[in-house]
């Protein structure tokens, strides 16, 4: 498998700071990176009680189960918004 080769965290920096994204109205987010950051922050806030986080992946989508006090990770492909929604639908 590739899971040992894939980092579940993106190495790219967000376009906006988390506070800016959370305060932003969805209507004002014009770029895909801004929309992805908004979705990640809100998903992780809304579903943290399920011990799961949504993360950008640099490669293919993958699900990492919770282990060693770390939450499960839903990794979506290449930072694409549609990929994030697709992987969330599998998880839900």
PDB file of N, CA and C in Angstrom:
ATOM      1  N   UNK A   1       0.836  -1.187   0.000  1.00  0.00           N
ATOM      2  CA  UNK A   1       0.000   0.000   0.000  1.00  0.00           C
ATOM      3  C   UNK A   1       0.872   1.237   0.000  1.00  0.00           C
ATOM      4  N   UNK A   2       0.244   2.360  -0.264  1.00  0.00           N
ATOM      5  CA  UNK A   2       0.992   3.627  -0.263  1.00  0.00           C
ATOM      6  C   UNK A   2       0.844   4.374   1.049  1.00  0.00           C
ATOM      7  N   UNK A   3       0.056   3.861   1.991  1.00  0.00           N
ATOM      8  CA  UNK A   3      -0.211   4.640   3.197  1.00  0.00           C
ATOM      9  C   UNK A   3       1.048   4.975   3.976  1.00  0.00           C
ATOM     10  N   UNK A   4       2.065   4.130   3.935  1.00  0.00           N
ATOM     11  CA  UNK A   4       3.289   4.461   4.655  1.00  0.00           C
ATOM     12  C   UNK A   4       4.091   5.540   3.928  1.00  0.00           C
ATOM     13  N   UNK A   5       3.750   5.794   2.668  1.00  0.00           N
ATOM     14  CA  UNK A   5       4.471   6.793   1.892  1.00  0.00           C
ATOM     15  C   UNK A   5       3.765   8.137   1.839  1.00  0.00           C
ATOM     16  N   UNK A   6       2.526   8.174   2.249  1.00  0.00           N
ATOM     17  CA  UNK A   6       1.710   9.372   2.097  1.00  0.00           C
ATOM     18  C   UNK A   6       1.552  10.071   3.434  1.00  0.00           C
ATOM     19  N   UNK A   7       1.864  11.324   3.451  1.00  0.00           N
ATOM     20  CA  UNK A   7       1.633  12.113   4.656  1.00  0.00           C
ATOM     21  C   UNK A   7       0.173  12.532   4.696  1.00  0.00           C
ATOM     22  N   UNK A   8      -0.497  12.367   5.843  1.00  0.00           N
ATOM     23  CA  UNK A   8      -1.894  12.785   5.908  1.00  0.00           C
ATOM     24  C   UNK A   8      -2.067  14.284   6.046  1.00  0.00           C
ATOM     25  N   UNK A   9      -0.989  15.016   6.123  1.00  0.00           N
ATOM     26  CA  UNK A   9      -1.069  16.469   6.259  1.00  0.00           C
ATOM     27  C   UNK A   9      -0.464  17.133   5.039  1.00  0.00           C
ATOM     28  N   UNK A  10      -1.105  18.174   4.595  1.00  0.00           N
ATOM     29  CA  UNK A  10      -0.602  18.904   3.443  1.00  0.00           C
ATOM     30  C   UNK A  10       0.631  19.699   3.840  1.00  0.00           C
ATOM     31  N   UNK A  11       1.563  19.812   2.916  1.00  0.00           N
ATOM     32  CA  UNK A  11       2.750  20.621   3.184  1.00  0.00           C
ATOM     33  C   UNK A  11       2.598  22.030   2.638  1.00  0.00           C
ATOM     34  N   UNK A  12       1.459  22.312   2.013  1.00  0.00           N
ATOM     35  CA  UNK A  12       1.228  23.650   1.487  1.00  0.00           C
ATOM     36  C   UNK A  12       0.522  24.501   2.530  1.00  0.00           C
ATOM     37  N   UNK A  13       0.868  25.756   2.577  1.00  0.00           N
ATOM     38  CA  UNK A  13       0.268  26.676   3.539  1.00  0.00           C
ATOM     39  C   UNK A  13      -1.086  27.158   3.038  1.00  0.00           C
ATOM     40  N   UNK A  14      -2.047  27.382   3.946  1.00  0.00           N
ATOM     41  CA  UNK A  14      -3.342  27.899   3.506  1.00  0.00           C
ATOM     42  C   UNK A  14      -3.207  29.324   2.987  1.00  0.00           C
ATOM     43  N   UNK A  15      -4.145  29.697   2.126  1.00  0.00           N
ATOM     44  CA  UNK A  15      -4.144  31.042   1.569  1.00  0.00           C
ATOM     45  C   UNK A  15      -4.485  32.079   2.643  1.00  0.00           C
ATOM     46  N   UNK A  16      -5.364  31.726   3.563  1.00  0.00           N
ATOM     47  CA  UNK A  16      -5.787  32.608   4.638  1.00  0.00           C
ATOM     48  C   UNK A  16      -5.471  31.940   5.970  1.00  0.00           C
ATOM     49  N   UNK A  17      -5.388  32.735   7.019  1.00  0.00           N
ATOM     50  CA  UNK A  17      -5.207  32.153   8.342  1.00  0.00           C
ATOM     51  C   UNK A  17      -6.513  31.491   8.767  1.00  0.00           C
ATOM     52  N   UNK A  18      -6.472  30.527   9.693  1.00  0.00           N
ATOM     53  CA  UNK A  18      -7.718  29.879  10.141  1.00  0.00           C
ATOM     54  C   UNK A  18      -8.771  30.861  10.639  1.00  0.00           C
ATOM     55  N   UNK A  19      -8.363  31.893  11.374  1.00  0.00           N
ATOM     56  CA  UNK A  19      -9.331  32.879  11.862  1.00  0.00           C
ATOM     57  C   UNK A  19      -9.995  33.621  10.705  1.00  0.00           C
ATOM     58  N   UNK A  20      -9.221  33.963   9.686  1.00  0.00           N
ATOM     59  CA  UNK A  20      -9.787  34.661   8.532  1.00  0.00           C
ATOM     60  C   UNK A  20     -10.777  33.770   7.794  1.00  0.00           C
ATOM     61  N   UNK A  21     -10.445  32.500   7.659  1.00  0.00           N
ATOM     62  CA  UNK A  21     -11.328  31.574   6.950  1.00  0.00           C
ATOM     63  C   UNK A  21     -12.621  31.382   7.727  1.00  0.00           C
ATOM     64  N   UNK A  22     -12.531  31.173   9.029  1.00  0.00           N
ATOM     65  CA  UNK A  22     -13.736  30.939   9.822  1.00  0.00           C
ATOM     66  C   UNK A  22     -14.648  32.153   9.840  1.00  0.00           C
ATOM     67  N   UNK A  23     -14.080  33.343   9.793  1.00  0.00           N
ATOM     68  CA  UNK A  23     -14.902  34.556   9.794  1.00  0.00           C
ATOM     69  C   UNK A  23     -15.446  34.882   8.413  1.00  0.00           C
ATOM     70  N   UNK A  24     -14.879  34.271   7.378  1.00  0.00           N
ATOM     71  CA  UNK A  24     -15.290  34.573   6.013  1.00  0.00           C
ATOM     72  C   UNK A  24     -16.652  33.971   5.709  1.00  0.00           C
ATOM     73  N   UNK A  25     -17.448  34.759   5.037  1.00  0.00           N
ATOM     74  CA  UNK A  25     -18.715  34.250   4.519  1.00  0.00           C
ATOM     75  C   UNK A  25     -18.393  33.379   3.306  1.00  0.00           C
ATOM     76  N   UNK A  26     -19.138  32.281   3.162  1.00  0.00           N
ATOM     77  CA  UNK A  26     -18.902  31.394   2.026  1.00  0.00           C
ATOM     78  C   UNK A  26     -18.953  32.175   0.708  1.00  0.00           C
ATOM     79  N   UNK A  27     -19.846  33.153   0.614  1.00  0.00           N
ATOM     80  CA  UNK A  27     -20.013  33.923  -0.625  1.00  0.00           C
ATOM     81  C   UNK A  27     -18.751  34.691  -1.006  1.00  0.00           C
ATOM     82  N   UNK A  28     -17.907  35.050  -0.041  1.00  0.00           N
ATOM     83  CA  UNK A  28     -16.722  35.854  -0.332  1.00  0.00           C
ATOM     84  C   UNK A  28     -15.513  35.012  -0.704  1.00  0.00           C
ATOM     85  N   UNK A  29     -15.611  33.702  -0.565  1.00  0.00           N
ATOM     86  CA  UNK A  29     -14.480  32.829  -0.884  1.00  0.00           C
ATOM     87  C   UNK A  29     -14.492  32.551  -2.387  1.00  0.00           C
ATOM     88  N   UNK A  30     -13.504  33.085  -3.094  1.00  0.00           N
ATOM     89  CA  UNK A  30     -13.537  33.027  -4.551  1.00  0.00           C
ATOM     90  C   UNK A  30     -12.576  31.995  -5.142  1.00  0.00           C
ATOM     91  N   UNK A  31     -11.620  31.529  -4.369  1.00  0.00           N
ATOM     92  CA  UNK A  31     -10.670  30.558  -4.912  1.00  0.00           C
ATOM     93  C   UNK A  31     -10.900  29.193  -4.268  1.00  0.00           C
ATOM     94  N   UNK A  32     -10.535  28.153  -4.995  1.00  0.00           N
ATOM     95  CA  UNK A  32     -10.681  26.797  -4.460  1.00  0.00           C
ATOM     96  C   UNK A  32      -9.866  26.583  -3.184  1.00  0.00           C
ATOM     97  N   UNK A  33      -8.623  27.065  -3.091  1.00  0.00           N
ATOM     98  CA  UNK A  33      -7.894  26.888  -1.827  1.00  0.00           C
ATOM     99  C   UNK A  33      -8.609  27.533  -0.623  1.00  0.00           C
ATOM    100  N   UNK A  34      -9.203  28.704  -0.822  1.00  0.00           N
ATOM    101  CA  UNK A  34      -9.960  29.337   0.265  1.00  0.00           C
ATOM    102  C   UNK A  34     -11.163  28.498   0.648  1.00  0.00           C
ATOM    103  N   UNK A  35     -11.880  27.976  -0.346  1.00  0.00           N
ATOM    104  CA  UNK A  35     -13.051  27.150  -0.069  1.00  0.00           C
ATOM    105  C   UNK A  35     -12.657  25.847   0.617  1.00  0.00           C
ATOM    106  N   UNK A  36     -11.547  25.242   0.200  1.00  0.00           N
ATOM    107  CA  UNK A  36     -11.062  24.010   0.824  1.00  0.00           C
ATOM    108  C   UNK A  36     -10.688  24.265   2.281  1.00  0.00           C
ATOM    109  N   UNK A  37      -9.982  25.354   2.543  1.00  0.00           N
ATOM    110  CA  UNK A  37      -9.604  25.674   3.927  1.00  0.00           C
ATOM    111  C   UNK A  37     -10.842  25.897   4.789  1.00  0.00           C
ATOM    112  N   UNK A  38     -11.840  26.577   4.231  1.00  0.00           N
ATOM    113  CA  UNK A  38     -13.098  26.797   4.957  1.00  0.00           C
ATOM    114  C   UNK A  38     -13.751  25.461   5.289  1.00  0.00           C
ATOM    115  N   UNK A  39     -13.825  24.560   4.305  1.00  0.00           N
ATOM    116  CA  UNK A  39     -14.448  23.256   4.509  1.00  0.00           C
ATOM    117  C   UNK A  39     -13.693  22.444   5.562  1.00  0.00           C
ATOM    118  N   UNK A  40     -12.375  22.426   5.502  1.00  0.00           N
ATOM    119  CA  UNK A  40     -11.575  21.680   6.474  1.00  0.00           C
ATOM    120  C   UNK A  40     -11.822  22.203   7.883  1.00  0.00           C
ATOM    121  N   UNK A  41     -11.737  23.510   8.055  1.00  0.00           N
ATOM    122  CA  UNK A  41     -11.922  24.085   9.389  1.00  0.00           C
ATOM    123  C   UNK A  41     -13.308  23.791   9.947  1.00  0.00           C
ATOM    124  N   UNK A  42     -14.319  23.931   9.117  1.00  0.00           N
ATOM    125  CA  UNK A  42     -15.678  23.702   9.601  1.00  0.00           C
ATOM    126  C   UNK A  42     -15.966  22.219   9.810  1.00  0.00           C
ATOM    127  N   UNK A  43     -15.529  21.358   8.898  1.00  0.00           N
ATOM    128  CA  UNK A  43     -15.727  19.918   9.090  1.00  0.00           C
ATOM    129  C   UNK A  43     -15.064  19.473  10.390  1.00  0.00           C
ATOM    130  N   UNK A  44     -13.825  19.891  10.587  1.00  0.00           N
ATOM    131  CA  UNK A  44     -13.093  19.464  11.786  1.00  0.00           C
ATOM    132  C   UNK A  44     -13.736  19.990  13.064  1.00  0.00           C
ATOM    133  N   UNK A  45     -14.364  21.139  12.994  1.00  0.00           N
ATOM    134  CA  UNK A  45     -15.082  21.666  14.150  1.00  0.00           C
ATOM    135  C   UNK A  45     -16.394  20.904  14.365  1.00  0.00           C
ATOM    136  N   UNK A  46     -17.144  20.712  13.291  1.00  0.00           N
ATOM    137  CA  UNK A  46     -18.458  20.064  13.396  1.00  0.00           C
ATOM    138  C   UNK A  46     -18.372  18.599  13.789  1.00  0.00           C
ATOM    139  N   UNK A  47     -17.323  17.894  13.359  1.00  0.00           N
ATOM    140  CA  UNK A  47     -17.264  16.442  13.568  1.00  0.00           C
ATOM    141  C   UNK A  47     -16.143  15.993  14.493  1.00  0.00           C
ATOM    142  N   UNK A  48     -15.529  16.900  15.217  1.00  0.00           N
ATOM    143  CA  UNK A  48     -14.438  16.518  16.116  1.00  0.00           C
ATOM    144  C   UNK A  48     -14.897  15.508  17.162  1.00  0.00           C
ATOM    145  N   UNK A  49     -16.160  15.572  17.550  1.00  0.00           N
ATOM    146  CA  UNK A  49     -16.669  14.627  18.550  1.00  0.00           C
ATOM    147  C   UNK A  49     -16.737  13.193  18.008  1.00  0.00           C
ATOM    148  N   UNK A  50     -16.547  13.010  16.699  1.00  0.00           N
ATOM    149  CA  UNK A  50     -16.493  11.677  16.097  1.00  0.00           C
ATOM    150  C   UNK A  50     -15.050  11.180  15.959  1.00  0.00           C
ATOM    151  N   UNK A  51     -14.098  11.927  16.513  1.00  0.00           N
ATOM    152  CA  UNK A  51     -12.686  11.543  16.487  1.00  0.00           C
ATOM    153  C   UNK A  51     -12.173  11.360  15.057  1.00  0.00           C
ATOM    154  N   UNK A  52     -12.471  12.341  14.209  1.00  0.00           N
ATOM    155  CA  UNK A  52     -12.047  12.297  12.814  1.00  0.00           C
ATOM    156  C   UNK A  52     -11.664  13.703  12.357  1.00  0.00           C
ATOM    157  N   UNK A  53     -10.686  13.778  11.453  1.00  0.00           N
ATOM    158  CA  UNK A  53     -10.289  15.061  10.871  1.00  0.00           C
ATOM    159  C   UNK A  53     -10.218  14.919   9.353  1.00  0.00           C
ATOM    160  N   UNK A  54     -10.454  16.027   8.678  1.00  0.00           N
ATOM    161  CA  UNK A  54     -10.345  16.110   7.225  1.00  0.00           C
ATOM    162  C   UNK A  54      -9.024  16.786   6.917  1.00  0.00           C
ATOM    163  N   UNK A  55      -8.211  16.173   6.040  1.00  0.00           N
ATOM    164  CA  UNK A  55      -6.896  16.731   5.720  1.00  0.00           C
ATOM    165  C   UNK A  55      -6.641  16.685   4.218  1.00  0.00           C
ATOM    166  N   UNK A  56      -5.863  17.661   3.745  1.00  0.00           N
ATOM    167  CA  UNK A  56      -5.422  17.667   2.347  1.00  0.00           C
ATOM    168  C   UNK A  56      -4.365  16.589   2.175  1.00  0.00           C
ATOM    169  N   UNK A  57      -4.421  15.908   1.048  1.00  0.00           N
ATOM    170  CA  UNK A  57      -3.388  14.946   0.711  1.00  0.00           C
ATOM    171  C   UNK A  57      -2.644  15.387  -0.529  1.00  0.00           C
ATOM    172  N   UNK A  58      -1.423  14.946  -0.643  1.00  0.00           N
ATOM    173  CA  UNK A  58      -0.634  15.284  -1.817  1.00  0.00           C
ATOM    174  C   UNK A  58      -0.800  14.267  -2.936  1.00  0.00           C
ATOM    175  N   UNK A  59      -1.413  13.117  -2.606  1.00  0.00           N
ATOM    176  CA  UNK A  59      -1.560  12.044  -3.586  1.00  0.00           C
ATOM    177  C   UNK A  59      -3.020  11.612  -3.652  1.00  0.00           C
ATOM    178  N   UNK A  60      -3.250  10.322  -3.632  1.00  0.00           N
ATOM    179  CA  UNK A  60      -4.606   9.788  -3.755  1.00  0.00           C
ATOM    180  C   UNK A  60      -5.354   9.854  -2.426  1.00  0.00           C
ATOM    181  N   UNK A  61      -6.688   9.857  -2.480  1.00  0.00           N
ATOM    182  CA  UNK A  61      -7.473   9.874  -1.245  1.00  0.00           C
ATOM    183  C   UNK A  61      -7.271   8.573  -0.470  1.00  0.00           C
ATOM    184  N   UNK A  62      -7.340   8.695   0.840  1.00  0.00           N
ATOM    185  CA  UNK A  62      -7.180   7.511   1.682  1.00  0.00           C
ATOM    186  C   UNK A  62      -7.778   7.797   3.055  1.00  0.00           C
ATOM    187  N   UNK A  63      -8.241   6.738   3.697  1.00  0.00           N
ATOM    188  CA  UNK A  63      -8.773   6.838   5.057  1.00  0.00           C
ATOM    189  C   UNK A  63      -7.763   6.212   5.996  1.00  0.00           C
ATOM    190  N   UNK A  64      -7.400   6.946   7.043  1.00  0.00           N
ATOM    191  CA  UNK A  64      -6.489   6.447   8.061  1.00  0.00           C
ATOM    192  C   UNK A  64      -7.269   6.286   9.357  1.00  0.00           C
ATOM    193  N   UNK A  65      -7.424   5.069   9.860  1.00  0.00           N
ATOM    194  CA  UNK A  65      -8.186   4.875  11.095  1.00  0.00           C
ATOM    195  C   UNK A  65      -7.491   5.519  12.293  1.00  0.00           C
ATOM    196  N   UNK A  66      -8.263   5.775  13.322  1.00  0.00           N
ATOM    197  CA  UNK A  66      -7.718   6.336  14.559  1.00  0.00           C
ATOM    198  C   UNK A  66      -6.783   5.314  15.205  1.00  0.00           C
ATOM    199  N   UNK A  67      -5.601   5.773  15.631  1.00  0.00           N
ATOM    200  CA  UNK A  67      -4.650   4.910  16.341  1.00  0.00           C
ATOM    201  C   UNK A  67      -3.879   5.734  17.361  1.00  0.00           C
ATOM    202  N   UNK A  68      -3.510   5.095  18.451  1.00  0.00           N
ATOM    203  CA  UNK A  68      -2.639   5.717  19.453  1.00  0.00           C
ATOM    204  C   UNK A  68      -3.068   7.128  19.854  1.00  0.00           C
ATOM    205  N   UNK A  69      -4.299   7.275  20.240  1.00  0.00           N
ATOM    206  CA  UNK A  69      -4.842   8.562  20.685  1.00  0.00           C
ATOM    207  C   UNK A  69      -4.895   9.623  19.591  1.00  0.00           C
ATOM    208  N   UNK A  70      -4.675   9.251  18.343  1.00  0.00           N
ATOM    209  CA  UNK A  70      -4.775  10.174  17.222  1.00  0.00           C
ATOM    210  C   UNK A  70      -6.105   9.935  16.515  1.00  0.00           C
ATOM    211  N   UNK A  71      -6.790  10.999  16.083  1.00  0.00           N
ATOM    212  CA  UNK A  71      -8.077  10.812  15.402  1.00  0.00           C
ATOM    213  C   UNK A  71      -7.897  10.152  14.033  1.00  0.00           C
ATOM    214  N   UNK A  72      -8.966   9.573  13.530  1.00  0.00           N
ATOM    215  CA  UNK A  72      -8.976   9.070  12.165  1.00  0.00           C
ATOM    216  C   UNK A  72      -8.796  10.259  11.219  1.00  0.00           C
ATOM    217  N   UNK A  73      -8.274   9.990  10.039  1.00  0.00           N
ATOM    218  CA  UNK A  73      -8.053  11.060   9.060  1.00  0.00           C
ATOM    219  C   UNK A  73      -8.718  10.690   7.745  1.00  0.00           C
ATOM    220  N   UNK A  74      -9.485  11.616   7.226  1.00  0.00           N
ATOM    221  CA  UNK A  74     -10.046  11.501   5.884  1.00  0.00           C
ATOM    222  C   UNK A  74      -9.151  12.366   5.000  1.00  0.00           C
ATOM    223  N   UNK A  75      -8.328  11.717   4.211  1.00  0.00           N
ATOM    224  CA  UNK A  75      -7.405  12.444   3.340  1.00  0.00           C
ATOM    225  C   UNK A  75      -7.999  12.520   1.945  1.00  0.00           C
ATOM    226  N   UNK A  76      -8.085  13.723   1.402  1.00  0.00           N
ATOM    227  CA  UNK A  76      -8.618  13.871   0.052  1.00  0.00           C
ATOM    228  C   UNK A  76      -7.507  14.263  -0.914  1.00  0.00           C
ATOM    229  N   UNK A  77      -7.762  14.077  -2.201  1.00  0.00           N
ATOM    230  CA  UNK A  77      -6.722  14.168  -3.225  1.00  0.00           C
ATOM    231  C   UNK A  77      -6.374  15.591  -3.632  1.00  0.00           C
ATOM    232  N   UNK A  78      -5.092  15.872  -3.582  1.00  0.00           N
ATOM    233  CA  UNK A  78      -4.502  17.071  -4.191  1.00  0.00           C
ATOM    234  C   UNK A  78      -5.158  18.387  -3.794  1.00  0.00           C
ATOM    235  N   UNK A  79      -5.839  18.430  -2.666  1.00  0.00           N
ATOM    236  CA  UNK A  79      -6.465  19.665  -2.214  1.00  0.00           C
ATOM    237  C   UNK A  79      -7.685  20.077  -2.999  1.00  0.00           C
ATOM    238  N   UNK A  80      -8.307  19.160  -3.755  1.00  0.00           N
ATOM    239  CA  UNK A  80      -9.478  19.492  -4.560  1.00  0.00           C
ATOM    240  C   UNK A  80     -10.745  19.476  -3.713  1.00  0.00           C
ATOM    241  N   UNK A  81     -11.524  20.535  -3.806  1.00  0.00           N
ATOM    242  CA  UNK A  81     -12.767  20.657  -3.050  1.00  0.00           C
ATOM    243  C   UNK A  81     -13.708  19.489  -3.337  1.00  0.00           C
ATOM    244  N   UNK A  82     -13.889  19.141  -4.626  1.00  0.00           N
ATOM    245  CA  UNK A  82     -14.784  18.043  -4.981  1.00  0.00           C
ATOM    246  C   UNK A  82     -14.312  16.721  -4.397  1.00  0.00           C
ATOM    247  N   UNK A  83     -13.013  16.524  -4.344  1.00  0.00           N
ATOM    248  CA  UNK A  83     -12.471  15.305  -3.744  1.00  0.00           C
ATOM    249  C   UNK A  83     -12.792  15.261  -2.256  1.00  0.00           C
ATOM    250  N   UNK A  84     -12.705  16.404  -1.585  1.00  0.00           N
ATOM    251  CA  UNK A  84     -13.039  16.463  -0.154  1.00  0.00           C
ATOM    252  C   UNK A  84     -14.493  16.072   0.063  1.00  0.00           C
ATOM    253  N   UNK A  85     -15.396  16.640  -0.723  1.00  0.00           N
ATOM    254  CA  UNK A  85     -16.815  16.294  -0.583  1.00  0.00           C
ATOM    255  C   UNK A  85     -17.059  14.821  -0.883  1.00  0.00           C
ATOM    256  N   UNK A  86     -16.388  14.293  -1.873  1.00  0.00           N
ATOM    257  CA  UNK A  86     -16.533  12.887  -2.236  1.00  0.00           C
ATOM    258  C   UNK A  86     -16.095  11.982  -1.084  1.00  0.00           C
ATOM    259  N   UNK A  87     -14.941  12.278  -0.494  1.00  0.00           N
ATOM    260  CA  UNK A  87     -14.437  11.456   0.611  1.00  0.00           C
ATOM    261  C   UNK A  87     -15.306  11.600   1.862  1.00  0.00           C
ATOM    262  N   UNK A  88     -15.823  12.789   2.106  1.00  0.00           N
ATOM    263  CA  UNK A  88     -16.751  12.979   3.233  1.00  0.00           C
ATOM    264  C   UNK A  88     -17.990  12.126   3.022  1.00  0.00           C
ATOM    265  N   UNK A  89     -18.472  12.037   1.789  1.00  0.00           N
ATOM    266  CA  UNK A  89     -19.671  11.232   1.525  1.00  0.00           C
ATOM    267  C   UNK A  89     -19.401   9.756   1.802  1.00  0.00           C
ATOM    268  N   UNK A  90     -18.218   9.261   1.476  1.00  0.00           N
ATOM    269  CA  UNK A  90     -17.872   7.872   1.811  1.00  0.00           C
ATOM    270  C   UNK A  90     -17.875   7.677   3.322  1.00  0.00           C
ATOM    271  N   UNK A  91     -17.273   8.598   4.024  1.00  0.00           N
ATOM    272  CA  UNK A  91     -17.165   8.488   5.490  1.00  0.00           C
ATOM    273  C   UNK A  91     -18.535   8.527   6.142  1.00  0.00           C
ATOM    274  N   UNK A  92     -19.397   9.412   5.637  1.00  0.00           N
ATOM    275  CA  UNK A  92     -20.705   9.570   6.288  1.00  0.00           C
ATOM    276  C   UNK A  92     -21.645   8.436   5.918  1.00  0.00           C
TER     277      UNK A  92
END
